[in-house]
C-alpha atoms as a PDB file:
ATOM      1  CA  MET A   1      89.402  31.584  30.272  1.00  0.00           C
ATOM      2  CA  ALA A   2      87.551  30.936  27.003  1.00  0.00           C
ATOM      3  CA  ILE A   3      87.968  32.706  23.678  1.00  0.00           C
ATOM      4  CA  TRP A   4      85.861  32.656  20.531  1.00  0.00           C
ATOM      5  CA  ASP A   5      87.071  33.709  17.100  1.00  0.00           C
ATOM      6  CA  PHE A   6      84.763  35.663  14.801  1.00  0.00           C
ATOM      7  CA  VAL A   7      85.010  36.707  11.156  1.00  0.00           C
ATOM      8  CA  LYS A   8      86.438  40.210  11.553  1.00  0.00           C
ATOM      9  CA  ASP A   9      85.240  41.454   8.166  1.00  0.00           C
ATOM     10  CA  ALA A  10      81.646  40.201   8.587  1.00  0.00           C
ATOM     11  CA  GLY A  11      78.902  41.540  10.781  1.00  0.00           C
ATOM     12  CA  LYS A  12      76.987  44.629  11.651  1.00  0.00           C
ATOM     13  CA  SER A  13      78.917  47.821  10.978  1.00  0.00           C
ATOM     14  CA  ILE A  14      78.657  50.090  14.025  1.00  0.00           C
ATOM     15  CA  PHE A  15      82.087  51.707  14.122  1.00  0.00           C
ATOM     16  CA  GLY A  16      81.623  54.009  11.111  1.00  0.00           C
ATOM     17  CA  SER A  17      84.558  55.642   9.406  1.00  0.00           C
ATOM     18  CA  GLU A  18      87.505  57.176  11.171  1.00  0.00           C
ATOM     19  CA  ALA A  19      87.175  60.921  11.581  1.00  0.00           C
ATOM     20  CA  LYS A  20      90.160  62.890  10.340  1.00  0.00           C
ATOM     21  CA  ALA A  21      91.421  65.507  12.739  1.00  0.00           C
ATOM     22  CA  ALA A  22      92.349  68.973  11.504  1.00  0.00           C
ATOM     23  CA  GLU A  23      95.751  68.704  13.150  1.00  0.00           C
ATOM     24  CA  ALA A  24      97.833  65.554  13.284  1.00  0.00           C
ATOM     25  CA  PRO A  25      97.560  64.026  16.784  1.00  0.00           C
ATOM     26  CA  THR A  26     100.268  61.818  18.210  1.00  0.00           C
ATOM     27  CA  ALA A  27     100.056  58.062  17.559  1.00  0.00           C
ATOM     28  CA  ALA A  28      99.085  57.403  21.205  1.00  0.00           C
ATOM     29  CA  GLU A  29      96.299  60.007  21.076  1.00  0.00           C
ATOM     30  CA  THR A  30      94.979  58.541  17.807  1.00  0.00           C
ATOM     31  CA  GLU A  31      94.960  54.979  19.195  1.00  0.00           C
ATOM     32  CA  GLN A  32      93.187  56.032  22.409  1.00  0.00           C
ATOM     33  CA  SER A  33      90.657  58.123  20.482  1.00  0.00           C
ATOM     34  CA  GLU A  34      89.882  55.177  18.178  1.00  0.00           C
ATOM     35  CA  THR A  35      89.490  52.843  21.167  1.00  0.00           C
ATOM     36  CA  ASP A  36      87.152  55.295  22.917  1.00  0.00           C
ATOM     37  CA  ARG A  37      85.047  55.625  19.741  1.00  0.00           C
ATOM     38  CA  LYS A  38      84.713  51.834  19.426  1.00  0.00           C
ATOM     39  CA  VAL A  39      83.876  51.483  23.123  1.00  0.00           C
ATOM     40  CA  ALA A  40      81.082  54.044  22.803  1.00  0.00           C
ATOM     41  CA  ALA A  41      79.692  52.239  19.735  1.00  0.00           C
ATOM     42  CA  LEU A  42      79.737  48.855  21.512  1.00  0.00           C
ATOM     43  CA  LYS A  43      77.971  50.330  24.549  1.00  0.00           C
ATOM     44  CA  GLN A  44      75.299  51.821  22.311  1.00  0.00           C
ATOM     45  CA  GLU A  45      74.764  48.518  20.482  1.00  0.00           C
ATOM     46  CA  LEU A  46      74.331  46.565  23.731  1.00  0.00           C
ATOM     47  CA  THR A  47      71.910  49.201  25.004  1.00  0.00           C
ATOM     48  CA  GLU A  48      69.839  48.957  21.821  1.00  0.00           C
ATOM     49  CA  LEU A  49      69.710  45.159  22.160  1.00  0.00           C
ATOM     50  CA  GLY A  50      68.717  45.365  25.822  1.00  0.00           C
ATOM     51  CA  LEU A  51      71.792  43.381  26.879  1.00  0.00           C
ATOM     52  CA  THR A  52      73.143  45.823  29.432  1.00  0.00           C
ATOM     53  CA  SER A  53      74.004  45.085  33.031  1.00  0.00           C
ATOM     54  CA  LYS A  54      75.956  46.899  35.689  1.00  0.00           C
ATOM     55  CA  ASP A  55      77.604  43.582  36.581  1.00  0.00           C
ATOM     56  CA  VAL A  56      79.068  42.849  33.138  1.00  0.00           C
ATOM     57  CA  HIS A  57      82.207  44.691  32.106  1.00  0.00           C
ATOM     58  CA  LEU A  58      83.745  44.821  28.650  1.00  0.00           C
ATOM     59  CA  THR A  59      87.288  45.806  27.797  1.00  0.00           C
ATOM     60  CA  LEU A  60      88.489  46.472  24.262  1.00  0.00           C
ATOM     61  CA  ARG A  61      92.020  45.188  23.743  1.00  0.00           C
ATOM     62  CA  GLY A  62      94.144  45.539  20.640  1.00  0.00           C
ATOM     63  CA  GLY A  63      91.321  47.155  18.700  1.00  0.00           C
ATOM     64  CA  ASP A  64      89.620  43.870  17.765  1.00  0.00           C
ATOM     65  CA  THR A  65      89.308  41.808  20.974  1.00  0.00           C
ATOM     66  CA  VAL A  66      86.512  42.291  23.502  1.00  0.00           C
ATOM     67  CA  VAL A  67      87.115  40.847  26.975  1.00  0.00           C
ATOM     68  CA  ILE A  68      83.970  40.097  29.019  1.00  0.00           C
ATOM     69  CA  SER A  69      84.223  39.935  32.789  1.00  0.00           C
ATOM     70  CA  GLY A  70      81.811  40.064  35.686  1.00  0.00           C
ATOM     71  CA  GLN A  71      78.437  38.454  36.144  1.00  0.00           C
ATOM     72  CA  ALA A  72      75.597  37.883  33.680  1.00  0.00           C
ATOM     73  CA  ARG A  73      72.069  36.993  34.745  1.00  0.00           C
ATOM     74  CA  ASP A  74      72.297  33.472  33.269  1.00  0.00           C
ATOM     75  CA  GLN A  75      74.010  31.308  30.650  1.00  0.00           C
ATOM     76  CA  GLU A  76      71.688  32.468  27.862  1.00  0.00           C
ATOM     77  CA  THR A  77      72.461  36.125  28.553  1.00  0.00           C
ATOM     78  CA  MET A  78      76.208  35.456  28.608  1.00  0.00           C
ATOM     79  CA  GLU A  79      76.010  33.619  25.272  1.00  0.00           C
ATOM     80  CA  LYS A  80      74.019  36.489  23.761  1.00  0.00           C
ATOM     81  CA  LEU A  81      76.593  39.009  25.031  1.00  0.00           C
ATOM     82  CA  ILE A  82      79.389  36.986  23.409  1.00  0.00           C
ATOM     83  CA  LEU A  83      77.527  36.915  20.091  1.00  0.00           C
ATOM     84  CA  ALA A  84      76.289  40.512  20.225  1.00  0.00           C
ATOM     85  CA  VAL A  85      79.822  41.908  20.475  1.00  0.00           C
ATOM     86  CA  GLY A  86      81.489  39.231  18.335  1.00  0.00           C
ATOM     87  CA  ASN A  87      79.138  39.659  15.376  1.00  0.00           C
ATOM     88  CA  ILE A  88      80.260  43.269  14.955  1.00  0.00           C
ATOM     89  CA  LYS A  89      82.344  44.092  11.894  1.00  0.00           C
ATOM     90  CA  GLY A  90      85.875  44.769  13.134  1.00  0.00           C
ATOM     91  CA  ILE A  91      85.753  42.411  16.145  1.00  0.00           C
ATOM     92  CA  ALA A  92      87.836  39.260  15.699  1.00  0.00           C
ATOM     93  CA  HIS A  93      87.804  37.735  19.203  1.00  0.00           C
ATOM     94  CA  VAL A  94      85.645  37.631  22.318  1.00  0.00           C
ATOM     95  CA  GLU A  95      87.214  36.385  25.509  1.00  0.00           C
ATOM     96  CA  LEU A  96      85.832  35.574  28.950  1.00  0.00           C
ATOM     97  CA  ALA A  97      88.239  37.097  31.456  1.00  0.00           C
ATOM     98  CA  GLU A  98      87.960  34.379  34.073  1.00  0.00           C
ATOM     99  CA  ASP A  99      86.485  30.934  34.446  1.00  0.00           C
ATOM    100  CA  PRO A 100      82.696  31.572  34.432  1.00  0.00           C
ATOM    101  CA  GLY A 101      82.139  28.709  36.862  1.00  0.00           C
ATOM    102  CA  LYS A 102      84.179  30.539  39.507  1.00  0.00           C
ATOM    103  CA  SER A 103      82.968  33.311  41.814  1.00  0.00           C
ATOM    104  CA  ALA A 104      83.310  36.064  39.209  1.00  0.00           C
ATOM    105  CA  GLY A 105      81.182  34.250  36.646  1.00  0.00           C
ATOM    106  CA  PHE A 106      77.463  34.498  36.144  1.00  0.00           C
ATOM    107  CA  GLY A 107      75.367  32.656  38.656  1.00  0.00           C
ATOM    108  CA  ALA A 108      77.691  33.833  41.405  1.00  0.00           C
ATOM    109  CA  ALA A 109      76.572  35.948  44.313  1.00  0.00           C
ATOM    110  CA  HIS A 110      79.157  38.672  43.760  1.00  0.00           C
ATOM    111  CA  ALA A 111      80.820  39.960  40.634  1.00  0.00           C
ATOM    112  CA  ALA A 112      84.505  40.703  40.516  1.00  0.00           C
ATOM    113  CA  PRO A 113      85.410  44.379  40.329  1.00  0.00           C
ATOM    114  CA  PRO A 114      85.953  45.592  36.774  1.00  0.00           C
ATOM    115  CA  PRO A 115      89.474  45.040  35.495  1.00  0.00           C
ATOM    116  CA  SER A 116      91.680  48.041  34.872  1.00  0.00           C
ATOM    117  CA  ALA A 117      92.014  48.959  31.253  1.00  0.00           C
ATOM    118  CA  PRO A 118      95.167  47.699  29.569  1.00  0.00           C
ATOM    119  CA  PRO A 119      97.470  50.169  27.813  1.00  0.00           C
ATOM    120  CA  GLY A 120      95.803  51.140  24.551  1.00  0.00           C
ATOM    121  CA  GLY A 121      92.512  49.633  25.726  1.00  0.00           C
ATOM    122  CA  ALA A 122      89.467  51.066  27.404  1.00  0.00           C
ATOM    123  CA  GLU A 123      87.086  49.568  29.901  1.00  0.00           C
ATOM    124  CA  MET A 124      83.399  49.989  29.409  1.00  0.00           C
ATOM    125  CA  THR A 125      80.514  49.216  31.688  1.00  0.00           C
ATOM    126  CA  PRO A 126      77.298  49.306  29.678  1.00  0.00           C
ATOM    127  CA  THR A 127      74.811  51.699  31.191  1.00  0.00           C
ATOM    128  CA  GLN A 128      71.722  50.079  32.666  1.00  0.00           C
ATOM    129  CA  THR A 129      68.727  51.316  30.650  1.00  0.00           C
ATOM    130  CA  THR A 130      66.131  48.746  31.620  1.00  0.00           C
ATOM    131  CA  PRO A 131      65.030  47.807  35.126  1.00  0.00           C
ATOM    132  CA  GLU A 132      67.668  45.698  36.870  1.00  0.00           C
ATOM    133  CA  PRO A 133      66.475  42.125  37.196  1.00  0.00           C
ATOM    134  CA  ALA A 134      66.066  40.758  40.691  1.00  0.00           C
ATOM    135  CA  ALA A 135      68.928  38.854  42.250  1.00  0.00           C
ATOM    136  CA  VAL A 136      70.294  35.912  40.295  1.00  0.00           C
ATOM    137  CA  PRO A 137      67.484  33.353  40.087  1.00  0.00           C
ATOM    138  CA  ALA A 138      67.867  30.108  42.007  1.00  0.00           C
ATOM    139  CA  SER A 139      67.652  28.281  38.678  1.00  0.00           C
ATOM    140  CA  ALA A 140      70.786  30.026  37.377  1.00  0.00           C
ATOM    141  CA  PRO A 141      73.458  27.552  36.389  1.00  0.00           C
ATOM    142  CA  ALA A 142      76.066  26.934  39.035  1.00  0.00           C
ATOM    143  CA  GLU A 143      78.614  26.300  36.324  1.00  0.00           C
ATOM    144  CA  PHE A 144      79.143  27.683  32.830  1.00  0.00           C
ATOM    145  CA  ARG A 145      78.420  25.061  30.170  1.00  0.00           C
ATOM    146  CA  GLU A 146      80.353  25.263  26.937  1.00  0.00           C
ATOM    147  CA  PRO A 147      77.974  27.000  24.512  1.00  0.00           C
ATOM    148  CA  VAL A 148      77.220  25.578  21.082  1.00  0.00           C
ATOM    149  CA  PHE A 149      77.749  28.182  18.376  1.00  0.00           C
ATOM    150  CA  HIS A 150      77.559  27.788  14.594  1.00  0.00           C
ATOM    151  CA  THR A 151      79.226  30.010  11.989  1.00  0.00           C
ATOM    152  CA  VAL A 152      76.901  30.552   9.036  1.00  0.00           C
ATOM    153  CA  GLN A 153      78.315  29.438   5.680  1.00  0.00           C
ATOM    154  CA  LYS A 154      77.362  30.829   2.273  1.00  0.00           C
ATOM    155  CA  GLY A 155      73.968  29.483   1.185  1.00  0.00           C
ATOM    156  CA  GLU A 156      72.934  28.174   4.612  1.00  0.00           C
ATOM    157  CA  THR A 157      69.488  28.758   6.077  1.00  0.00           C
ATOM    158  CA  LEU A 158      68.201  28.417   9.622  1.00  0.00           C
ATOM    159  CA  SER A 159      66.303  25.324   8.422  1.00  0.00           C
ATOM    160  CA  ALA A 160      69.529  23.663   7.254  1.00  0.00           C
ATOM    161  CA  ILE A 161      71.260  24.562  10.511  1.00  0.00           C
ATOM    162  CA  ALA A 162      68.293  23.193  12.503  1.00  0.00           C
ATOM    163  CA  GLN A 163      68.448  19.953  10.513  1.00  0.00           C
ATOM    164  CA  GLU A 164      72.167  19.608  11.296  1.00  0.00           C
ATOM    165  CA  TYR A 165      72.012  20.375  15.036  1.00  0.00           C
ATOM    166  CA  LEU A 166      68.420  19.670  16.098  1.00  0.00           C
ATOM    167  CA  GLY A 167      67.553  16.823  13.721  1.00  0.00           C
ATOM    168  CA  LYS A 168      64.604  18.534  12.018  1.00  0.00           C
ATOM    169  CA  ALA A 169      64.550  21.493   9.626  1.00  0.00           C
ATOM    170  CA  SER A 170      61.155  22.492  11.025  1.00  0.00           C
ATOM    171  CA  ARG A 171      62.833  23.356  14.357  1.00  0.00           C
ATOM    172  CA  TYR A 172      64.468  26.481  12.852  1.00  0.00           C
ATOM    173  CA  PRO A 173      62.230  28.773  14.991  1.00  0.00           C
ATOM    174  CA  GLU A 174      64.089  27.474  18.073  1.00  0.00           C
ATOM    175  CA  ILE A 175      67.378  28.785  16.659  1.00  0.00           C
ATOM    176  CA  PHE A 176      65.714  32.042  15.662  1.00  0.00           C
ATOM    177  CA  GLU A 177      64.305  32.522  19.186  1.00  0.00           C
ATOM    178  CA  ALA A 178      67.663  31.621  20.767  1.00  0.00           C
ATOM    179  CA  ASN A 179      69.285  34.448  18.806  1.00  0.00           C
ATOM    180  CA  LYS A 180      66.841  37.242  19.559  1.00  0.00           C
ATOM    181  CA  PRO A 181      67.322  40.220  19.838  1.00  0.00           C
ATOM    182  CA  MET A 182      70.356  39.959  17.535  1.00  0.00           C
ATOM    183  CA  LEU A 183      68.189  38.398  14.795  1.00  0.00           C
ATOM    184  CA  SER A 184      65.031  40.200  13.795  1.00  0.00           C
ATOM    185  CA  ASP A 185      64.112  37.970  10.827  1.00  0.00           C
ATOM    186  CA  PRO A 186      64.869  34.255  10.326  1.00  0.00           C
ATOM    187  CA  ASP A 187      65.727  34.905   6.667  1.00  0.00           C
ATOM    188  CA  LYS A 188      68.333  37.570   7.435  1.00  0.00           C
ATOM    189  CA  ILE A 189      71.477  35.663   8.317  1.00  0.00           C
ATOM    190  CA  TYR A 190      74.810  36.138   6.569  1.00  0.00           C
ATOM    191  CA  PRO A 191      78.006  34.168   5.960  1.00  0.00           C
ATOM    192  CA  GLY A 192      80.413  34.570   8.861  1.00  0.00           C
ATOM    193  CA  GLN A 193      77.687  35.305  11.412  1.00  0.00           C
ATOM    194  CA  MET A 194      77.883  33.190  14.556  1.00  0.00           C
ATOM    195  CA  LEU A 195      74.595  31.855  16.000  1.00  0.00           C
ATOM    196  CA  ARG A 196      73.599  30.214  19.301  1.00  0.00           C
ATOM    197  CA  ILE A 197      72.312  26.686  19.045  1.00  0.00           C
ATOM    198  CA  PRO A 198      69.794  25.990  21.838  1.00  0.00           C
ATOM    199  CA  GLN A 199      70.577  23.091  24.128  1.00  0.00           C
ATOM    200  CA  GLU A 200      67.870  20.743  25.277  1.00  0.00           C
END
């Protein structure tokens, strides 16, 4: 199991404000309603980014932790899923449910069945909106490599990050490309945002 910590108060705001009910619901109803609202917003965000798959399952736990289980197409897709949900304002942790190098991880022939939702949590399986890719390509990694992520600091640019990790500031387009579709402009990064660093 792997877990990544994100800056909870930084990121794209997709959860909106809490709606106030006309009558006071019970605490359990309020918590479940809030979880369902966040789950729907996360599903919508992944759909808009084109990062949906019937073989990847997300569970929201404790209101600020997203657990990823199942099978992604490849390492790059798994890393993008981690960042897409982690760089959401209000999400503090992203966790892989099982060892990705095992049979339930990406690159495996069969995905594990989705986990049951924990009390106070809700399971979500993003709806497939784009054509399902063919079976896992033969070039898919047999084992999950530890990804290299960087948390943007105040005043940093992609050029500075490229200089630090890739040895040349002029290689910033490689970091930009590695973070598409989450990044739409190389100049629009923010403190607290976590980025993928491409591996050679």
